N, C-alpha and C. Protein backbone atom coordinates (compact mmCIF):
# COMPACT_ATOMS: atom_id res chain seq x y z
N PRO A 1 0.83 -1.21 0.00
CA PRO A 1 0.00 0.00 0.00
C PRO A 1 0.86 1.25 0.00
N GLY A 2 0.50 2.18 -0.83
CA GLY A 2 1.24 3.43 -0.88
C GLY A 2 2.50 3.37 -1.70
N SER A 3 2.86 2.20 -2.19
CA SER A 3 4.07 2.11 -3.01
C SER A 3 3.69 1.85 -4.45
N ASP A 4 4.51 2.34 -5.33
CA ASP A 4 4.27 2.20 -6.76
C ASP A 4 5.37 1.29 -7.31
N GLN A 5 5.21 -0.01 -7.09
CA GLN A 5 6.28 -0.95 -7.40
C GLN A 5 6.62 -1.03 -8.88
N CYS A 6 5.63 -0.89 -9.74
CA CYS A 6 5.92 -1.03 -11.17
C CYS A 6 6.11 0.32 -11.87
N GLY A 7 5.79 1.43 -11.21
CA GLY A 7 5.97 2.74 -11.80
C GLY A 7 4.81 3.23 -12.65
N CYS A 8 3.79 2.39 -12.86
CA CYS A 8 2.72 2.78 -13.77
C CYS A 8 1.75 3.77 -13.13
N LEU A 9 1.66 3.77 -11.81
CA LEU A 9 0.74 4.70 -11.16
C LEU A 9 1.22 6.14 -11.32
N ARG A 10 2.51 6.35 -11.19
CA ARG A 10 3.08 7.70 -11.32
C ARG A 10 2.93 8.26 -12.73
N ASN A 11 3.08 7.42 -13.74
CA ASN A 11 3.03 7.93 -15.11
C ASN A 11 1.62 7.96 -15.69
N GLY A 12 0.63 7.54 -14.89
CA GLY A 12 -0.76 7.64 -15.33
C GLY A 12 -1.24 6.53 -16.25
N HIS A 13 -0.47 5.48 -16.40
CA HIS A 13 -0.84 4.40 -17.31
C HIS A 13 -1.23 3.12 -16.59
N CYS A 14 -1.58 3.22 -15.31
CA CYS A 14 -1.97 2.04 -14.54
C CYS A 14 -3.33 1.54 -15.02
N LYS A 15 -3.40 0.27 -15.40
CA LYS A 15 -4.64 -0.32 -15.91
C LYS A 15 -5.50 -0.91 -14.79
N ALA A 16 -4.94 -1.05 -13.59
CA ALA A 16 -5.67 -1.69 -12.51
C ALA A 16 -6.32 -0.70 -11.55
N LYS A 17 -5.93 0.56 -11.59
CA LYS A 17 -6.48 1.53 -10.65
C LYS A 17 -7.95 1.83 -10.95
N TRP A 18 -8.64 2.33 -9.94
CA TRP A 18 -10.05 2.67 -10.09
C TRP A 18 -10.21 3.84 -11.05
N SER A 19 -11.27 3.82 -11.83
CA SER A 19 -11.65 4.94 -12.68
C SER A 19 -13.16 4.91 -12.81
N ALA A 20 -13.73 6.00 -13.26
CA ALA A 20 -15.18 6.04 -13.47
C ALA A 20 -15.59 5.01 -14.51
N GLU A 21 -14.77 4.84 -15.55
CA GLU A 21 -15.06 3.85 -16.59
C GLU A 21 -15.03 2.44 -16.01
N ARG A 22 -14.04 2.18 -15.16
CA ARG A 22 -13.93 0.86 -14.53
C ARG A 22 -15.15 0.59 -13.64
N ALA A 23 -15.61 1.59 -12.93
CA ALA A 23 -16.78 1.43 -12.07
C ALA A 23 -18.02 1.08 -12.88
N ILE A 24 -18.19 1.72 -14.04
CA ILE A 24 -19.33 1.42 -14.92
C ILE A 24 -19.23 -0.03 -15.41
N PHE A 25 -18.05 -0.44 -15.82
CA PHE A 25 -17.84 -1.82 -16.26
C PHE A 25 -18.17 -2.79 -15.14
N ASP A 26 -17.64 -2.54 -13.94
CA ASP A 26 -17.87 -3.43 -12.80
C ASP A 26 -19.35 -3.50 -12.43
N ASN A 27 -20.05 -2.38 -12.48
CA ASN A 27 -21.49 -2.38 -12.19
C ASN A 27 -22.25 -3.22 -13.22
N LEU A 28 -21.86 -3.13 -14.47
CA LEU A 28 -22.51 -3.93 -15.51
C LEU A 28 -22.24 -5.42 -15.27
N VAL A 29 -21.03 -5.75 -14.86
CA VAL A 29 -20.71 -7.14 -14.52
C VAL A 29 -21.64 -7.61 -13.41
N ASP A 30 -21.76 -6.82 -12.36
CA ASP A 30 -22.61 -7.20 -11.22
C ASP A 30 -24.07 -7.38 -11.62
N GLN A 31 -24.55 -6.57 -12.55
CA GLN A 31 -25.95 -6.64 -12.97
C GLN A 31 -26.24 -7.78 -13.94
N THR A 32 -25.26 -8.12 -14.78
CA THR A 32 -25.56 -9.03 -15.87
C THR A 32 -24.86 -10.38 -15.80
N HIS A 33 -23.68 -10.43 -15.22
CA HIS A 33 -22.91 -11.68 -15.26
C HIS A 33 -21.97 -11.75 -14.06
N PRO A 34 -22.51 -11.72 -12.85
CA PRO A 34 -21.62 -11.78 -11.69
C PRO A 34 -20.86 -13.11 -11.66
N SER A 35 -19.57 -13.00 -11.63
CA SER A 35 -18.74 -14.20 -11.61
C SER A 35 -17.38 -13.85 -11.04
N ALA A 36 -16.64 -14.87 -10.74
CA ALA A 36 -15.29 -14.66 -10.21
C ALA A 36 -14.38 -14.06 -11.28
N GLU A 37 -14.71 -14.27 -12.55
CA GLU A 37 -13.87 -13.76 -13.63
C GLU A 37 -14.09 -12.28 -13.92
N GLU A 38 -15.18 -11.72 -13.41
CA GLU A 38 -15.50 -10.31 -13.64
C GLU A 38 -15.49 -9.97 -15.13
N THR A 39 -16.35 -10.64 -15.86
CA THR A 39 -16.45 -10.46 -17.30
C THR A 39 -17.86 -10.03 -17.68
N ILE A 40 -17.98 -9.50 -18.89
CA ILE A 40 -19.29 -9.24 -19.48
C ILE A 40 -19.38 -10.02 -20.78
N SER A 41 -20.60 -10.30 -21.16
CA SER A 41 -20.85 -10.96 -22.43
C SER A 41 -20.67 -9.94 -23.56
N LEU A 42 -20.22 -10.42 -24.69
CA LEU A 42 -20.13 -9.53 -25.85
C LEU A 42 -21.49 -8.98 -26.24
N ASP A 43 -22.55 -9.67 -25.83
CA ASP A 43 -23.91 -9.17 -26.08
C ASP A 43 -24.17 -7.86 -25.34
N GLN A 44 -23.40 -7.57 -24.29
CA GLN A 44 -23.57 -6.36 -23.50
C GLN A 44 -22.65 -5.22 -23.95
N LEU A 45 -21.85 -5.46 -24.97
CA LEU A 45 -20.85 -4.48 -25.39
C LEU A 45 -21.46 -3.15 -25.84
N ASP A 46 -22.50 -3.19 -26.64
CA ASP A 46 -23.13 -1.95 -27.10
C ASP A 46 -23.69 -1.16 -25.93
N HIS A 47 -24.31 -1.87 -24.99
CA HIS A 47 -24.87 -1.21 -23.81
C HIS A 47 -23.76 -0.56 -22.99
N LEU A 48 -22.64 -1.24 -22.83
CA LEU A 48 -21.50 -0.68 -22.10
C LEU A 48 -21.01 0.60 -22.77
N LEU A 49 -20.88 0.59 -24.08
CA LEU A 49 -20.44 1.79 -24.80
C LEU A 49 -21.43 2.94 -24.62
N ASP A 50 -22.71 2.63 -24.64
CA ASP A 50 -23.73 3.66 -24.42
C ASP A 50 -23.62 4.24 -23.01
N LEU A 51 -23.34 3.39 -22.03
CA LEU A 51 -23.19 3.87 -20.65
C LEU A 51 -21.95 4.75 -20.50
N LEU A 52 -20.89 4.38 -21.18
CA LEU A 52 -19.63 5.14 -21.07
C LEU A 52 -19.64 6.43 -21.87
N HIS A 53 -20.44 6.49 -22.91
CA HIS A 53 -20.45 7.65 -23.82
C HIS A 53 -21.87 8.11 -24.11
N PRO A 54 -22.60 8.51 -23.07
CA PRO A 54 -24.03 8.81 -23.25
C PRO A 54 -24.32 10.02 -24.14
N ASP A 55 -23.40 10.96 -24.23
CA ASP A 55 -23.67 12.20 -24.97
C ASP A 55 -22.83 12.34 -26.23
N GLU A 56 -22.25 11.25 -26.71
CA GLU A 56 -21.31 11.36 -27.82
C GLU A 56 -21.84 10.89 -29.16
N ASN A 57 -23.10 10.53 -29.25
CA ASN A 57 -23.67 10.09 -30.53
C ASN A 57 -22.79 9.06 -31.22
N LEU A 58 -22.62 7.91 -30.58
CA LEU A 58 -21.79 6.85 -31.15
C LEU A 58 -22.36 6.40 -32.48
N THR A 59 -21.46 5.99 -33.37
CA THR A 59 -21.84 5.55 -34.70
C THR A 59 -21.76 4.02 -34.81
N GLU A 60 -22.31 3.50 -35.89
CA GLU A 60 -22.18 2.07 -36.16
C GLU A 60 -20.72 1.66 -36.24
N ASP A 61 -19.87 2.56 -36.76
CA ASP A 61 -18.43 2.27 -36.83
C ASP A 61 -17.84 2.06 -35.45
N ASP A 62 -18.30 2.85 -34.46
CA ASP A 62 -17.80 2.69 -33.09
C ASP A 62 -18.16 1.31 -32.55
N TYR A 63 -19.43 0.93 -32.70
CA TYR A 63 -19.86 -0.38 -32.21
C TYR A 63 -19.16 -1.50 -32.97
N ASP A 64 -19.08 -1.37 -34.29
CA ASP A 64 -18.43 -2.41 -35.09
C ASP A 64 -16.97 -2.56 -34.73
N SER A 65 -16.28 -1.45 -34.51
CA SER A 65 -14.87 -1.51 -34.13
C SER A 65 -14.69 -2.30 -32.84
N ALA A 66 -15.56 -2.04 -31.87
CA ALA A 66 -15.48 -2.76 -30.60
C ALA A 66 -15.69 -4.26 -30.80
N HIS A 67 -16.71 -4.62 -31.56
CA HIS A 67 -17.00 -6.03 -31.75
C HIS A 67 -15.90 -6.75 -32.52
N VAL A 68 -15.36 -6.10 -33.53
CA VAL A 68 -14.28 -6.72 -34.31
C VAL A 68 -13.03 -6.86 -33.45
N ALA A 69 -12.68 -5.83 -32.71
CA ALA A 69 -11.46 -5.85 -31.91
C ALA A 69 -11.55 -6.83 -30.75
N LEU A 70 -12.74 -7.00 -30.20
CA LEU A 70 -12.87 -7.81 -28.98
C LEU A 70 -13.40 -9.22 -29.22
N ARG A 71 -13.70 -9.54 -30.46
CA ARG A 71 -14.16 -10.89 -30.78
C ARG A 71 -13.01 -11.86 -30.49
N SER A 72 -13.33 -12.89 -29.78
CA SER A 72 -12.31 -13.89 -29.45
C SER A 72 -12.97 -15.26 -29.40
N SER A 73 -12.25 -16.23 -28.91
CA SER A 73 -12.83 -17.57 -28.81
C SER A 73 -13.86 -17.66 -27.69
N SER A 74 -13.87 -16.66 -26.83
CA SER A 74 -14.83 -16.62 -25.73
C SER A 74 -15.90 -15.57 -26.01
N ARG A 75 -17.08 -15.79 -25.45
CA ARG A 75 -18.15 -14.80 -25.58
C ARG A 75 -18.06 -13.73 -24.50
N TYR A 76 -17.03 -13.81 -23.64
CA TYR A 76 -16.92 -12.90 -22.52
C TYR A 76 -15.59 -12.14 -22.56
N ILE A 77 -15.63 -10.90 -22.08
CA ILE A 77 -14.41 -10.08 -22.01
C ILE A 77 -14.28 -9.52 -20.61
N ASN A 78 -13.05 -9.30 -20.19
CA ASN A 78 -12.82 -8.67 -18.90
C ASN A 78 -12.43 -7.21 -19.09
N TRP A 79 -12.26 -6.49 -18.01
CA TRP A 79 -11.95 -5.06 -18.06
C TRP A 79 -10.68 -4.78 -18.85
N PHE A 80 -9.66 -5.58 -18.62
CA PHE A 80 -8.37 -5.32 -19.26
C PHE A 80 -8.44 -5.48 -20.77
N GLN A 81 -9.17 -6.48 -21.23
CA GLN A 81 -9.36 -6.65 -22.66
C GLN A 81 -10.14 -5.46 -23.24
N PHE A 82 -11.21 -5.08 -22.56
CA PHE A 82 -12.02 -3.96 -23.04
C PHE A 82 -11.21 -2.67 -23.05
N ASN A 83 -10.53 -2.39 -21.97
CA ASN A 83 -9.79 -1.13 -21.85
C ASN A 83 -8.64 -1.03 -22.85
N LYS A 84 -8.05 -2.16 -23.18
CA LYS A 84 -6.96 -2.17 -24.17
C LYS A 84 -7.45 -1.65 -25.52
N TRP A 85 -8.71 -1.93 -25.87
CA TRP A 85 -9.29 -1.39 -27.09
C TRP A 85 -9.86 0.01 -26.85
N HIS A 86 -10.62 0.19 -25.79
CA HIS A 86 -11.41 1.40 -25.53
C HIS A 86 -10.56 2.66 -25.41
N THR A 87 -9.53 2.62 -24.59
CA THR A 87 -8.75 3.83 -24.32
C THR A 87 -8.11 4.41 -25.58
N PRO A 88 -7.35 3.64 -26.34
CA PRO A 88 -6.76 4.24 -27.55
C PRO A 88 -7.78 4.60 -28.62
N TYR A 89 -8.84 3.81 -28.75
CA TYR A 89 -9.85 4.09 -29.77
C TYR A 89 -10.49 5.45 -29.52
N PHE A 90 -10.94 5.70 -28.29
CA PHE A 90 -11.62 6.95 -28.02
C PHE A 90 -10.65 8.13 -27.87
N ALA A 91 -9.41 7.87 -27.52
CA ALA A 91 -8.41 8.94 -27.53
C ALA A 91 -8.21 9.44 -28.96
N GLU A 92 -8.12 8.52 -29.90
CA GLU A 92 -7.96 8.88 -31.31
C GLU A 92 -9.21 9.57 -31.84
N LYS A 93 -10.36 9.05 -31.47
CA LYS A 93 -11.62 9.65 -31.92
C LYS A 93 -11.74 11.09 -31.39
N PHE A 94 -11.38 11.29 -30.14
CA PHE A 94 -11.43 12.62 -29.55
C PHE A 94 -10.44 13.55 -30.25
N LYS A 95 -9.24 13.04 -30.52
CA LYS A 95 -8.22 13.84 -31.19
C LYS A 95 -8.69 14.26 -32.59
N GLN A 96 -9.31 13.34 -33.32
CA GLN A 96 -9.84 13.66 -34.64
C GLN A 96 -10.95 14.69 -34.55
N GLY A 97 -11.83 14.54 -33.56
CA GLY A 97 -12.92 15.51 -33.36
C GLY A 97 -12.39 16.88 -33.01
N ALA A 98 -11.36 16.93 -32.18
CA ALA A 98 -10.77 18.21 -31.80
C ALA A 98 -10.12 18.88 -33.00
N ALA A 99 -9.50 18.08 -33.86
CA ALA A 99 -8.87 18.64 -35.07
C ALA A 99 -9.94 19.21 -36.00
N LEU A 100 -11.05 18.50 -36.14
CA LEU A 100 -12.14 19.01 -36.98
C LEU A 100 -12.73 20.29 -36.38
N SER A 101 -12.88 20.32 -35.07
CA SER A 101 -13.41 21.52 -34.41
C SER A 101 -12.50 22.71 -34.65
N SER A 102 -11.21 22.47 -34.55
CA SER A 102 -10.24 23.54 -34.77
C SER A 102 -10.29 24.02 -36.22
N TYR A 103 -10.40 23.08 -37.14
CA TYR A 103 -10.42 23.42 -38.56
C TYR A 103 -11.68 24.20 -38.93
N TYR A 104 -12.82 23.73 -38.44
CA TYR A 104 -14.10 24.35 -38.81
C TYR A 104 -14.56 25.41 -37.82
N GLY A 105 -13.90 25.48 -36.67
CA GLY A 105 -14.28 26.48 -35.67
C GLY A 105 -15.58 26.15 -34.96
N THR A 106 -15.96 24.88 -34.98
CA THR A 106 -17.18 24.44 -34.29
C THR A 106 -16.87 23.23 -33.43
N SER A 107 -17.81 22.83 -32.64
CA SER A 107 -17.64 21.64 -31.81
C SER A 107 -18.07 20.42 -32.61
N ALA A 108 -17.08 19.59 -32.99
CA ALA A 108 -17.38 18.38 -33.75
C ALA A 108 -17.72 17.20 -32.84
N ILE A 109 -17.39 17.33 -31.55
CA ILE A 109 -17.72 16.29 -30.60
C ILE A 109 -18.69 16.85 -29.59
N HIS A 110 -19.75 16.14 -29.33
CA HIS A 110 -20.76 16.59 -28.37
C HIS A 110 -20.44 16.01 -27.00
N HIS A 111 -20.26 16.87 -26.01
CA HIS A 111 -20.00 16.42 -24.64
C HIS A 111 -21.19 16.65 -23.77
């Protein structure tokens, strides 16, 4: 406790620390598929994205990207698998939206 043995907490890249996104994922696990593995069904993926991005007008491309990236031999995914796709995908999407906003002088992303 209180020590940062791997150094990831200091640099902000810790995947295990609590976050609002992690709490939403964990709540969905508790509601739909409580298990020791702490996973959700891929059937719940669209709902999870809607919960995480309620005001962003997600597109079919967003949902499709998630399903393609997270499809595996199992029908279930855990937080680490989801976050490995989610964080970079939406960082890039936000960056592209900010660039469009700057170019057009309007808000291309709805918050």
